[in-house]
Full PDB file with SEQRES, HELIX, SHEET, SSBOND, CRYST1, ORIGX, SCALE, CONECT and MASTER records, all heavy atoms in Angstrom:
SEQRES   1 A   44  SER PRO VAL VAL ARG LEU ASN ARG ALA VAL ALA VAL GLY          
SEQRES   2 A   44  GLU ALA ASP GLY PRO ARG ALA GLY LEU ALA ALA LEU ALA          
SEQRES   3 A   44  ALA LEU ASP ASP SER LEU PRO ARG HIS ALA ALA VAL ALA          
SEQRES   4 A   44  ALA TYR LEU ARG GLU                                          
HELIX    1 AA1 PRO A    2  ASP A   16  1                                  15    
HELIX    2 AA2 PRO A   18  ALA A   26  1                                   9    
HELIX    3 AA3 HIS A   35  ARG A   43  1                                   9    
CRYST1    1.000    1.000    1.000  90.00  90.00  90.00 P 1           1          
ORIGX1      1.000000  0.000000  0.000000        0.00000                         
ORIGX2      0.000000  1.000000  0.000000        0.00000                         
ORIGX3      0.000000  0.000000  1.000000        0.00000                         
SCALE1      1.000000  0.000000  0.000000        0.00000                         
SCALE2      0.000000  1.000000  0.000000        0.00000                         
SCALE3      0.000000  0.000000  1.000000        0.00000                         
ATOM      1  N   SER A   1      40.205 -20.132  66.846  1.00  0.00           N  
ATOM      2  CA  SER A   1      39.127 -20.902  66.225  1.00  0.00           C  
ATOM      3  C   SER A   1      39.640 -21.682  65.024  1.00  0.00           C  
ATOM      4  O   SER A   1      40.303 -21.118  64.140  1.00  0.00           O  
ATOM      5  CB  SER A   1      38.001 -19.959  65.770  1.00  0.00           C  
ATOM      6  OG  SER A   1      37.131 -20.606  64.872  1.00  0.00           O  
ATOM      7  N   PRO A   2      39.328 -22.981  64.934  1.00  0.00           N  
ATOM      8  CA  PRO A   2      39.734 -23.747  63.752  1.00  0.00           C  
ATOM      9  C   PRO A   2      39.055 -23.257  62.475  1.00  0.00           C  
ATOM     10  O   PRO A   2      39.624 -23.362  61.385  1.00  0.00           O  
ATOM     11  CB  PRO A   2      39.313 -25.182  64.093  1.00  0.00           C  
ATOM     12  CG  PRO A   2      38.283 -25.058  65.165  1.00  0.00           C  
ATOM     13  CD  PRO A   2      38.638 -23.831  65.935  1.00  0.00           C  
ATOM     14  N   VAL A   3      37.855 -22.722  62.591  1.00  0.00           N  
ATOM     15  CA  VAL A   3      37.164 -22.185  61.410  1.00  0.00           C  
ATOM     16  C   VAL A   3      37.905 -20.960  60.886  1.00  0.00           C  
ATOM     17  O   VAL A   3      38.043 -20.774  59.669  1.00  0.00           O  
ATOM     18  CB  VAL A   3      35.701 -21.850  61.746  1.00  0.00           C  
ATOM     19  CG1 VAL A   3      35.018 -21.172  60.560  1.00  0.00           C  
ATOM     20  CG2 VAL A   3      34.935 -23.102  62.150  1.00  0.00           C  
ATOM     21  N   VAL A   4      38.379 -20.117  61.796  1.00  0.00           N  
ATOM     22  CA  VAL A   4      39.181 -18.958  61.384  1.00  0.00           C  
ATOM     23  C   VAL A   4      40.441 -19.420  60.661  1.00  0.00           C  
ATOM     24  O   VAL A   4      40.818 -18.871  59.614  1.00  0.00           O  
ATOM     25  CB  VAL A   4      39.548 -18.100  62.613  1.00  0.00           C  
ATOM     26  CG1 VAL A   4      40.615 -17.056  62.248  1.00  0.00           C  
ATOM     27  CG2 VAL A   4      38.309 -17.408  63.166  1.00  0.00           C  
ATOM     28  N   ARG A   5      41.100 -20.453  61.173  1.00  0.00           N  
ATOM     29  CA  ARG A   5      42.325 -20.947  60.540  1.00  0.00           C  
ATOM     30  C   ARG A   5      42.029 -21.585  59.173  1.00  0.00           C  
ATOM     31  O   ARG A   5      42.869 -21.533  58.268  1.00  0.00           O  
ATOM     32  CB  ARG A   5      43.021 -21.942  61.469  1.00  0.00           C  
ATOM     33  CG  ARG A   5      43.475 -21.296  62.772  1.00  0.00           C  
ATOM     34  CD  ARG A   5      44.306 -22.227  63.634  1.00  0.00           C  
ATOM     35  NE  ARG A   5      44.599 -21.617  64.927  1.00  0.00           N  
ATOM     36  CZ  ARG A   5      45.548 -20.706  65.123  1.00  0.00           C  
ATOM     37  NH1 ARG A   5      46.301 -20.322  64.111  1.00  0.00           N  
ATOM     38  NH2 ARG A   5      45.745 -20.201  66.331  1.00  0.00           N  
ATOM     39  N   LEU A   6      40.831 -22.150  59.042  1.00  0.00           N  
ATOM     40  CA  LEU A   6      40.429 -22.694  57.746  1.00  0.00           C  
ATOM     41  C   LEU A   6      40.284 -21.567  56.724  1.00  0.00           C  
ATOM     42  O   LEU A   6      40.788 -21.662  55.588  1.00  0.00           O  
ATOM     43  CB  LEU A   6      39.106 -23.451  57.902  1.00  0.00           C  
ATOM     44  CG  LEU A   6      38.595 -24.213  56.678  1.00  0.00           C  
ATOM     45  CD1 LEU A   6      39.494 -25.407  56.371  1.00  0.00           C  
ATOM     46  CD2 LEU A   6      37.159 -24.679  56.915  1.00  0.00           C  
ATOM     47  N   ASN A   7      39.612 -20.494  57.120  1.00  0.00           N  
ATOM     48  CA  ASN A   7      39.469 -19.345  56.221  1.00  0.00           C  
ATOM     49  C   ASN A   7      40.815 -18.678  55.952  1.00  0.00           C  
ATOM     50  O   ASN A   7      41.054 -18.178  54.841  1.00  0.00           O  
ATOM     51  CB  ASN A   7      38.499 -18.331  56.826  1.00  0.00           C  
ATOM     52  CG  ASN A   7      37.081 -18.858  56.878  1.00  0.00           C  
ATOM     53  OD1 ASN A   7      36.676 -19.668  56.050  1.00  0.00           O  
ATOM     54  ND2 ASN A   7      36.314 -18.416  57.860  1.00  0.00           N  
ATOM     55  N   ARG A   8      41.686 -18.698  56.946  1.00  0.00           N  
ATOM     56  CA  ARG A   8      43.020 -18.129  56.752  1.00  0.00           C  
ATOM     57  C   ARG A   8      43.791 -18.912  55.685  1.00  0.00           C  
ATOM     58  O   ARG A   8      44.536 -18.317  54.891  1.00  0.00           O  
ATOM     59  CB  ARG A   8      43.799 -18.153  58.077  1.00  0.00           C  
ATOM     60  CG  ARG A   8      45.221 -17.620  57.955  1.00  0.00           C  
ATOM     61  CD  ARG A   8      46.000 -17.774  59.257  1.00  0.00           C  
ATOM     62  NE  ARG A   8      47.380 -17.316  59.100  1.00  0.00           N  
ATOM     63  CZ  ARG A   8      48.357 -18.048  58.594  1.00  0.00           C  
ATOM     64  NH1 ARG A   8      48.118 -19.316  58.208  1.00  0.00           N  
ATOM     65  NH2 ARG A   8      49.575 -17.558  58.468  1.00  0.00           N  
ATOM     66  N   ALA A   9      43.606 -20.235  55.632  1.00  0.00           N  
ATOM     67  CA  ALA A   9      44.297 -21.040  54.623  1.00  0.00           C  
ATOM     68  C   ALA A   9      43.907 -20.596  53.214  1.00  0.00           C  
ATOM     69  O   ALA A   9      44.745 -20.561  52.302  1.00  0.00           O  
ATOM     70  CB  ALA A   9      43.978 -22.519  54.825  1.00  0.00           C  
ATOM     71  N   VAL A  10      42.645 -20.235  53.021  1.00  0.00           N  
ATOM     72  CA  VAL A  10      42.207 -19.727  51.713  1.00  0.00           C  
ATOM     73  C   VAL A  10      42.934 -18.426  51.402  1.00  0.00           C  
ATOM     74  O   VAL A  10      43.443 -18.223  50.288  1.00  0.00           O  
ATOM     75  CB  VAL A  10      40.688 -19.500  51.699  1.00  0.00           C  
ATOM     76  CG1 VAL A  10      40.260 -18.877  50.371  1.00  0.00           C  
ATOM     77  CG2 VAL A  10      39.946 -20.808  51.925  1.00  0.00           C  
ATOM     78  N   ALA A  11      42.972 -17.518  52.397  1.00  0.00           N  
ATOM     79  CA  ALA A  11      43.631 -16.230  52.187  1.00  0.00           C  
ATOM     80  C   ALA A  11      45.120 -16.402  51.896  1.00  0.00           C  
ATOM     81  O   ALA A  11      45.686 -15.717  51.035  1.00  0.00           O  
ATOM     82  CB  ALA A  11      43.429 -15.341  53.418  1.00  0.00           C  
ATOM     83  N   VAL A  12      45.777 -17.327  52.607  1.00  0.00           N  
ATOM     84  CA  VAL A  12      47.193 -17.606  52.339  1.00  0.00           C  
ATOM     85  C   VAL A  12      47.362 -18.127  50.916  1.00  0.00           C  
ATOM     86  O   VAL A  12      48.311 -17.753  50.204  1.00  0.00           O  
ATOM     87  CB  VAL A  12      47.741 -18.626  53.363  1.00  0.00           C  
ATOM     88  CG1 VAL A  12      49.126 -19.121  52.945  1.00  0.00           C  
ATOM     89  CG2 VAL A  12      47.803 -18.006  54.754  1.00  0.00           C  
ATOM     90  N   GLY A  13      46.432 -18.976  50.481  1.00  0.00           N  
ATOM     91  CA  GLY A  13      46.496 -19.493  49.115  1.00  0.00           C  
ATOM     92  C   GLY A  13      46.384 -18.401  48.075  1.00  0.00           C  
ATOM     93  O   GLY A  13      46.991 -18.486  46.992  1.00  0.00           O  
ATOM     94  N   GLU A  14      45.612 -17.359  48.379  1.00  0.00           N  
ATOM     95  CA  GLU A  14      45.480 -16.236  47.442  1.00  0.00           C  
ATOM     96  C   GLU A  14      46.695 -15.317  47.505  1.00  0.00           C  
ATOM     97  O   GLU A  14      47.150 -14.802  46.483  1.00  0.00           O  
ATOM     98  CB  GLU A  14      44.214 -15.434  47.773  1.00  0.00           C  
ATOM     99  CG  GLU A  14      42.917 -16.205  47.651  1.00  0.00           C  
ATOM    100  CD  GLU A  14      42.551 -16.523  46.201  1.00  0.00           C  
ATOM    101  OE1 GLU A  14      43.236 -16.015  45.284  1.00  0.00           O  
ATOM    102  OE2 GLU A  14      41.590 -17.285  45.987  1.00  0.00           O  
ATOM    103  N   ALA A  15      47.221 -15.121  48.714  1.00  0.00           N  
ATOM    104  CA  ALA A  15      48.335 -14.187  48.876  1.00  0.00           C  
ATOM    105  C   ALA A  15      49.666 -14.781  48.432  1.00  0.00           C  
ATOM    106  O   ALA A  15      50.478 -14.099  47.786  1.00  0.00           O  
ATOM    107  CB  ALA A  15      48.432 -13.742  50.335  1.00  0.00           C  
ATOM    108  N   ASP A  16      49.896 -16.072  48.772  1.00  0.00           N  
ATOM    109  CA  ASP A  16      51.215 -16.680  48.549  1.00  0.00           C  
ATOM    110  C   ASP A  16      51.197 -17.871  47.602  1.00  0.00           C  
ATOM    111  O   ASP A  16      52.216 -18.539  47.432  1.00  0.00           O  
ATOM    112  CB  ASP A  16      51.802 -17.125  49.897  1.00  0.00           C  
ATOM    113  CG  ASP A  16      51.967 -15.970  50.872  1.00  0.00           C  
ATOM    114  OD1 ASP A  16      52.291 -14.856  50.402  1.00  0.00           O  
ATOM    115  OD2 ASP A  16      51.767 -16.178  52.075  1.00  0.00           O  
ATOM    116  N   GLY A  17      50.055 -18.162  47.023  1.00  0.00           N  
ATOM    117  CA  GLY A  17      49.966 -19.281  46.092  1.00  0.00           C  
ATOM    118  C   GLY A  17      49.263 -20.477  46.714  1.00  0.00           C  
ATOM    119  O   GLY A  17      49.273 -20.656  47.942  1.00  0.00           O  
ATOM    120  N   PRO A  18      48.668 -21.334  45.865  1.00  0.00           N  
ATOM    121  CA  PRO A  18      47.866 -22.452  46.377  1.00  0.00           C  
ATOM    122  C   PRO A  18      48.652 -23.452  47.220  1.00  0.00           C  
ATOM    123  O   PRO A  18      48.101 -24.023  48.157  1.00  0.00           O  
ATOM    124  CB  PRO A  18      47.308 -23.090  45.107  1.00  0.00           C  
ATOM    125  CG  PRO A  18      48.199 -22.634  43.995  1.00  0.00           C  
ATOM    126  CD  PRO A  18      48.655 -21.273  44.391  1.00  0.00           C  
ATOM    127  N   ARG A  19      49.912 -23.671  46.919  1.00  0.00           N  
ATOM    128  CA  ARG A  19      50.677 -24.640  47.712  1.00  0.00           C  
ATOM    129  C   ARG A  19      50.908 -24.138  49.133  1.00  0.00           C  
ATOM    130  O   ARG A  19      50.919 -24.928  50.090  1.00  0.00           O  
ATOM    131  CB  ARG A  19      51.984 -24.980  47.016  1.00  0.00           C  
ATOM    132  CG  ARG A  19      51.741 -25.695  45.695  1.00  0.00           C  
ATOM    133  CD  ARG A  19      52.950 -26.346  45.120  1.00  0.00           C  
ATOM    134  NE  ARG A  19      52.604 -27.057  43.881  1.00  0.00           N  
ATOM    135  CZ  ARG A  19      53.452 -27.768  43.151  1.00  0.00           C  
ATOM    136  NH1 ARG A  19      54.731 -27.873  43.544  1.00  0.00           N  
ATOM    137  NH2 ARG A  19      53.056 -28.361  42.046  1.00  0.00           N  
ATOM    138  N   ALA A  20      51.084 -22.830  49.283  1.00  0.00           N  
ATOM    139  CA  ALA A  20      51.197 -22.265  50.630  1.00  0.00           C  
ATOM    140  C   ALA A  20      49.872 -22.429  51.378  1.00  0.00           C  
ATOM    141  O   ALA A  20      49.859 -22.730  52.574  1.00  0.00           O  
ATOM    142  CB  ALA A  20      51.582 -20.788  50.549  1.00  0.00           C  
ATOM    143  N   GLY A  21      48.770 -22.247  50.654  1.00  0.00           N  
ATOM    144  CA  GLY A  21      47.464 -22.447  51.263  1.00  0.00           C  
ATOM    145  C   GLY A  21      47.251 -23.888  51.685  1.00  0.00           C  
ATOM    146  O   GLY A  21      46.719 -24.167  52.771  1.00  0.00           O  
ATOM    147  N   LEU A  22      47.676 -24.832  50.835  1.00  0.00           N  
ATOM    148  CA  LEU A  22      47.549 -26.255  51.172  1.00  0.00           C  
ATOM    149  C   LEU A  22      48.420 -26.616  52.371  1.00  0.00           C  
ATOM    150  O   LEU A  22      48.030 -27.447  53.200  1.00  0.00           O  
ATOM    151  CB  LEU A  22      47.924 -27.110  49.957  1.00  0.00           C  
ATOM    152  CG  LEU A  22      46.906 -27.110  48.814  1.00  0.00           C  
ATOM    153  CD1 LEU A  22      47.515 -27.720  47.556  1.00  0.00           C  
ATOM    154  CD2 LEU A  22      45.649 -27.888  49.227  1.00  0.00           C  
ATOM    155  N   ALA A  23      49.578 -25.987  52.488  1.00  0.00           N  
ATOM    156  CA  ALA A  23      50.435 -26.241  53.646  1.00  0.00           C  
ATOM    157  C   ALA A  23      49.760 -25.761  54.926  1.00  0.00           C  
ATOM    158  O   ALA A  23      49.814 -26.429  55.971  1.00  0.00           O  
ATOM    159  CB  ALA A  23      51.784 -25.546  53.461  1.00  0.00           C  
ATOM    160  N   ALA A  24      49.105 -24.602  54.854  1.00  0.00           N  
ATOM    161  CA  ALA A  24      48.373 -24.100  56.022  1.00  0.00           C  
ATOM    162  C   ALA A  24      47.191 -25.006  56.342  1.00  0.00           C  
ATOM    163  O   ALA A  24      46.882 -25.262  57.514  1.00  0.00           O  
ATOM    164  CB  ALA A  24      47.898 -22.673  55.768  1.00  0.00           C  
ATOM    165  N   LEU A  25      46.566 -25.525  55.307  1.00  0.00           N  
ATOM    166  CA  LEU A  25      45.408 -26.405  55.499  1.00  0.00           C  
ATOM    167  C   LEU A  25      45.825 -27.738  56.113  1.00  0.00           C  
ATOM    168  O   LEU A  25      45.063 -28.332  56.889  1.00  0.00           O  
ATOM    169  CB  LEU A  25      44.723 -26.630  54.153  1.00  0.00           C  
ATOM    170  CG  LEU A  25      43.402 -27.389  54.160  1.00  0.00           C  
ATOM    171  CD1 LEU A  25      42.325 -26.591  54.899  1.00  0.00           C  
ATOM    172  CD2 LEU A  25      42.946 -27.682  52.732  1.00  0.00           C  
ATOM    173  N   ALA A  26      47.017 -28.199  55.797  1.00  0.00           N  
ATOM    174  CA  ALA A  26      47.479 -29.505  56.290  1.00  0.00           C  
ATOM    175  C   ALA A  26      47.584 -29.552  57.808  1.00  0.00           C  
ATOM    176  O   ALA A  26      47.539 -30.627  58.410  1.00  0.00           O  
ATOM    177  CB  ALA A  26      48.831 -29.835  55.660  1.00  0.00           C  
ATOM    178  N   ALA A  27      47.711 -28.391  58.432  1.00  0.00           N  
ATOM    179  CA  ALA A  27      47.831 -28.348  59.892  1.00  0.00           C  
ATOM    180  C   ALA A  27      46.480 -28.457  60.596  1.00  0.00           C  
ATOM    181  O   ALA A  27      46.428 -28.527  61.827  1.00  0.00           O  
ATOM    182  CB  ALA A  27      48.512 -27.042  60.304  1.00  0.00           C  
ATOM    183  N   LEU A  28      45.377 -28.513  59.824  1.00  0.00           N  
ATOM    184  CA  LEU A  28      44.042 -28.515  60.410  1.00  0.00           C  
ATOM    185  C   LEU A  28      43.388 -29.886  60.303  1.00  0.00           C  
ATOM    186  O   LEU A  28      43.714 -30.681  59.418  1.00  0.00           O  
ATOM    187  CB  LEU A  28      43.169 -27.473  59.703  1.00  0.00           C  
ATOM    188  CG  LEU A  28      43.684 -26.035  59.741  1.00  0.00           C  
ATOM    189  CD1 LEU A  28      42.773 -25.122  58.929  1.00  0.00           C  
ATOM    190  CD2 LEU A  28      43.779 -25.538  61.180  1.00  0.00           C  
ATOM    191  N   ASP A  29      42.454 -30.150  61.185  1.00  0.00           N  
ATOM    192  CA  ASP A  29      41.707 -31.411  61.202  1.00  0.00           C  
ATOM    193  C   ASP A  29      40.817 -31.490  59.966  1.00  0.00           C  
ATOM    194  O   ASP A  29      40.002 -30.584  59.717  1.00  0.00           O  
ATOM    195  CB  ASP A  29      40.858 -31.465  62.479  1.00  0.00           C  
ATOM    196  CG  ASP A  29      40.170 -32.810  62.672  1.00  0.00           C  
ATOM    197  OD1 ASP A  29      40.082 -33.582  61.707  1.00  0.00           O  
ATOM    198  OD2 ASP A  29      39.712 -33.074  63.802  1.00  0.00           O  
ATOM    199  N   ASP A  30      40.957 -32.561  59.177  1.00  0.00           N  
ATOM    200  CA  ASP A  30      40.178 -32.648  57.939  1.00  0.00           C  
ATOM    201  C   ASP A  30      38.706 -32.980  58.178  1.00  0.00           C  
ATOM    202  O   ASP A  30      37.919 -33.056  57.227  1.00  0.00           O  
ATOM    203  CB  ASP A  30      40.800 -33.664  56.964  1.00  0.00           C  
ATOM    204  CG  ASP A  30      40.832 -35.076  57.535  1.00  0.00           C  
ATOM    205  OD1 ASP A  30      40.226 -35.313  58.599  1.00  0.00           O  
ATOM    206  OD2 ASP A  30      41.473 -35.944  56.914  1.00  0.00           O  
ATOM    207  N   SER A  31      38.297 -33.155  59.448  1.00  0.00           N  
ATOM    208  CA  SER A  31      36.876 -33.352  59.740  1.00  0.00           C  
ATOM    209  C   SER A  31      36.138 -32.029  59.926  1.00  0.00           C  
ATOM    210  O   SER A  31      34.916 -32.017  60.113  1.00  0.00           O  
ATOM    211  CB  SER A  31      36.706 -34.203  61.002  1.00  0.00           C  
ATOM    212  OG  SER A  31      37.164 -33.516  62.148  1.00  0.00           O  
ATOM    213  N   LEU A  32      36.853 -30.914  59.870  1.00  0.00           N  
ATOM    214  CA  LEU A  32      36.218 -29.610  60.000  1.00  0.00           C  
ATOM    215  C   LEU A  32      35.184 -29.398  58.891  1.00  0.00           C  
ATOM    216  O   LEU A  32      35.429 -29.754  57.735  1.00  0.00           O  
ATOM    217  CB  LEU A  32      37.258 -28.495  59.889  1.00  0.00           C  
ATOM    218  CG  LEU A  32      38.010 -28.079  61.145  1.00  0.00           C  
ATOM    219  CD1 LEU A  32      39.118 -27.113  60.773  1.00  0.00           C  
ATOM    220  CD2 LEU A  32      37.051 -27.438  62.148  1.00  0.00           C  
ATOM    221  N   PRO A  33      34.033 -28.819  59.208  1.00  0.00           N  
ATOM    222  CA  PRO A  33      33.069 -28.487  58.149  1.00  0.00           C  
ATOM    223  C   PRO A  33      33.717 -27.595  57.094  1.00  0.00           C  
ATOM    224  O   PRO A  33      34.455 -26.674  57.429  1.00  0.00           O  
ATOM    225  CB  PRO A  33      31.960 -27.750  58.904  1.00  0.00           C  
ATOM    226  CG  PRO A  33      32.040 -28.279  60.295  1.00  0.00           C  
ATOM    227  CD  PRO A  33      33.509 -28.514  60.558  1.00  0.00           C  
ATOM    228  N   ARG A  34      33.466 -27.905  55.837  1.00  0.00           N  
ATOM    229  CA  ARG A  34      33.960 -27.170  54.659  1.00  0.00           C  
ATOM    230  C   ARG A  34      35.465 -27.354  54.428  1.00  0.00           C  
ATOM    231  O   ARG A  34      36.032 -26.701  53.546  1.00  0.00           O  
ATOM    232  CB  ARG A  34      33.615 -25.682  54.753  1.00  0.00           C  
ATOM    233  CG  ARG A  34      32.112 -25.431  54.762  1.00  0.00           C  
ATOM    234  CD  ARG A  34      31.789 -23.944  54.685  1.00  0.00           C  
ATOM    235  NE  ARG A  34      30.356 -23.740  54.520  1.00  0.00           N  
ATOM    236  CZ  ARG A  34      29.481 -23.639  55.526  1.00  0.00           C  
ATOM    237  NH1 ARG A  34      29.933 -23.694  56.770  1.00  0.00           N  
ATOM    238  NH2 ARG A  34      28.202 -23.468  55.304  1.00  0.00           N  
ATOM    239  N   HIS A  35      36.112 -28.245  55.191  1.00  0.00           N  
ATOM    240  CA  HIS A  35      37.537 -28.513  54.946  1.00  0.00           C  
ATOM    241  C   HIS A  35      37.733 -29.059  53.537  1.00  0.00           C  
ATOM    242  O   HIS A  35      38.635 -28.629  52.807  1.00  0.00           O  
ATOM    243  CB  HIS A  35      38.054 -29.507  55.985  1.00  0.00           C  
ATOM    244  CG  HIS A  35      39.536 -29.774  55.904  1.00  0.00           C  
ATOM    245  ND1 HIS A  35      40.106 -30.579  54.928  1.00  0.00           N  
ATOM    246  CD2 HIS A  35      40.569 -29.341  56.690  1.00  0.00           C  
ATOM    247  CE1 HIS A  35      41.408 -30.618  55.109  1.00  0.00           C  
ATOM    248  NE2 HIS A  35      41.718 -29.881  56.167  1.00  0.00           N  
ATOM    249  N   ALA A  36      36.879 -30.003  53.138  1.00  0.00           N  
ATOM    250  CA  ALA A  36      37.015 -30.602  51.805  1.00  0.00           C  
ATOM    251  C   ALA A  36      36.794 -29.562  50.709  1.00  0.00           C  
ATOM    252  O   ALA A  36      37.464 -29.589  49.666  1.00  0.00           O  
ATOM    253  CB  ALA A  36      36.027 -31.759  51.647  1.00  0.00           C  
ATOM    254  N   ALA A  37      35.867 -28.627  50.922  1.00  0.00           N  
ATOM    255  CA  ALA A  37      35.601 -27.593  49.919  1.00  0.00           C  
ATOM    256  C   ALA A  37      36.811 -26.672  49.751  1.00  0.00           C  
ATOM    257  O   ALA A  37      37.174 -26.296  48.624  1.00  0.00           O  
ATOM    258  CB  ALA A  37      34.374 -26.786  50.323  1.00  0.00           C  
ATOM    259  N   VAL A  38      37.441 -26.305  50.862  1.00  0.00           N  
ATOM    260  CA  VAL A  38      38.646 -25.465  50.789  1.00  0.00           C  
ATOM    261  C   VAL A  38      39.775 -26.224  50.099  1.00  0.00           C  
ATOM    262  O   VAL A  38      40.482 -25.678  49.232  1.00  0.00           O  
ATOM    263  CB  VAL A  38      39.065 -25.016  52.204  1.00  0.00           C  
ATOM    264  CG1 VAL A  38      40.442 -24.338  52.161  1.00  0.00           C  
ATOM    265  CG2 VAL A  38      38.027 -24.076  52.793  1.00  0.00           C  
ATOM    266  N   ALA A  39      39.968 -27.487  50.455  1.00  0.00           N  
ATOM    267  CA  ALA A  39      41.004 -28.295  49.819  1.00  0.00           C  
ATOM    268  C   ALA A  39      40.759 -28.407  48.317  1.00  0.00           C  
ATOM    269  O   ALA A  39      41.701 -28.327  47.507  1.00  0.00           O  
ATOM    270  CB  ALA A  39      41.051 -29.683  50.451  1.00  0.00           C  
ATOM    271  N   ALA A  40      39.486 -28.578  47.929  1.00  0.00           N  
ATOM    272  CA  ALA A  40      39.147 -28.682  46.506  1.00  0.00           C  
ATOM    273  C   ALA A  40      39.523 -27.402  45.771  1.00  0.00           C  
ATOM    274  O   ALA A  40      40.115 -27.442  44.679  1.00  0.00           O  
ATOM    275  CB  ALA A  40      37.658 -28.970  46.351  1.00  0.00           C  
ATOM    276  N   TYR A  41      39.173 -26.261  46.354  1.00  0.00           N  
ATOM    277  CA  TYR A  41      39.478 -24.979  45.716  1.00  0.00           C  
ATOM    278  C   TYR A  41      40.981 -24.794  45.532  1.00  0.00           C  
ATOM    279  O   TYR A  41      41.457 -24.403  44.448  1.00  0.00           O  
ATOM    280  CB  TYR A  41      38.900 -23.844  46.562  1.00  0.00           C  
ATOM    281  CG  TYR A  41      39.271 -22.477  46.056  1.00  0.00           C  
ATOM    282  CD1 TYR A  41      38.689 -21.939  44.912  1.00  0.00           C  
ATOM    283  CD2 TYR A  41      40.241 -21.713  46.722  1.00  0.00           C  
ATOM    284  CE1 TYR A  41      39.045 -20.686  44.446  1.00  0.00           C  
ATOM    285  CE2 TYR A  41      40.597 -20.456  46.267  1.00  0.00           C  
ATOM    286  CZ  TYR A  41      40.008 -19.948  45.130  1.00  0.00           C  
ATOM    287  OH  TYR A  41      40.369 -18.698  44.659  1.00  0.00           O  
ATOM    288  N   LEU A  42      41.753 -25.096  46.576  1.00  0.00           N  
ATOM    289  CA  LEU A  42      43.201 -24.919  46.491  1.00  0.00           C  
ATOM    290  C   LEU A  42      43.830 -25.920  45.520  1.00  0.00           C  
ATOM    291  O   LEU A  42      44.783 -25.586  44.800  1.00  0.00           O  
ATOM    292  CB  LEU A  42      43.818 -25.046  47.881  1.00  0.00           C  
ATOM    293  CG  LEU A  42      43.460 -23.919  48.869  1.00  0.00           C  
ATOM    294  CD1 LEU A  42      43.940 -24.253  50.273  1.00  0.00           C  
ATOM    295  CD2 LEU A  42      44.050 -22.581  48.399  1.00  0.00           C  
ATOM    296  N   ARG A  43      43.308 -27.154  45.499  1.00  0.00           N  
ATOM    297  CA  ARG A  43      43.823 -28.145  44.541  1.00  0.00           C  
ATOM    298  C   ARG A  43      43.545 -27.703  43.104  1.00  0.00           C  
ATOM    299  O   ARG A  43      44.384 -27.867  42.208  1.00  0.00           O  
ATOM    300  CB  ARG A  43      43.179 -29.509  44.799  1.00  0.00           C  
ATOM    301  CG  ARG A  43      43.633 -30.185  46.073  1.00  0.00           C  
ATOM    302  CD  ARG A  43      45.069 -30.662  45.967  1.00  0.00           C  
ATOM    303  NE  ARG A  43      45.481 -31.346  47.191  1.00  0.00           N  
ATOM    304  CZ  ARG A  43      46.707 -31.791  47.411  1.00  0.00           C  
ATOM    305  NH1 ARG A  43      47.654 -31.617  46.492  1.00  0.00           N  
ATOM    306  NH2 ARG A  43      47.013 -32.401  48.544  1.00  0.00           N  
ATOM    307  N   GLU A  44      42.365 -27.149  42.876  1.00  0.00           N  
ATOM    308  CA  GLU A  44      42.058 -26.656  41.533  1.00  0.00           C  
ATOM    309  C   GLU A  44      43.009 -25.527  41.150  1.00  0.00           C  
ATOM    310  O   GLU A  44      43.517 -25.490  40.019  1.00  0.00           O  
ATOM    311  CB  GLU A  44      40.612 -26.165  41.470  1.00  0.00           C  
ATOM    312  CG  GLU A  44      40.240 -25.631  40.086  1.00  0.00           C  
ATOM    313  CD  GLU A  44      38.840 -25.056  40.014  1.00  0.00           C  
ATOM    314  OE1 GLU A  44      38.105 -25.135  41.030  1.00  0.00           O  
ATOM    315  OE2 GLU A  44      38.473 -24.526  38.952  1.00  0.00           O  
TER     316      GLU A  44                                                      
MASTER        0    0    0    3    0    0    0    6  315    1    0    4          
END                                                                             
């Protein structure tokens, strides 16, 4: 599920740092619901 992978990117950002989370997020379609919210959190 792409939604699962989106939530996984948040968890990776917490476990390995925000840049690792952003790298995981980069592999996903940015049209996914809440993609922008996750990107915002990791950028912050």
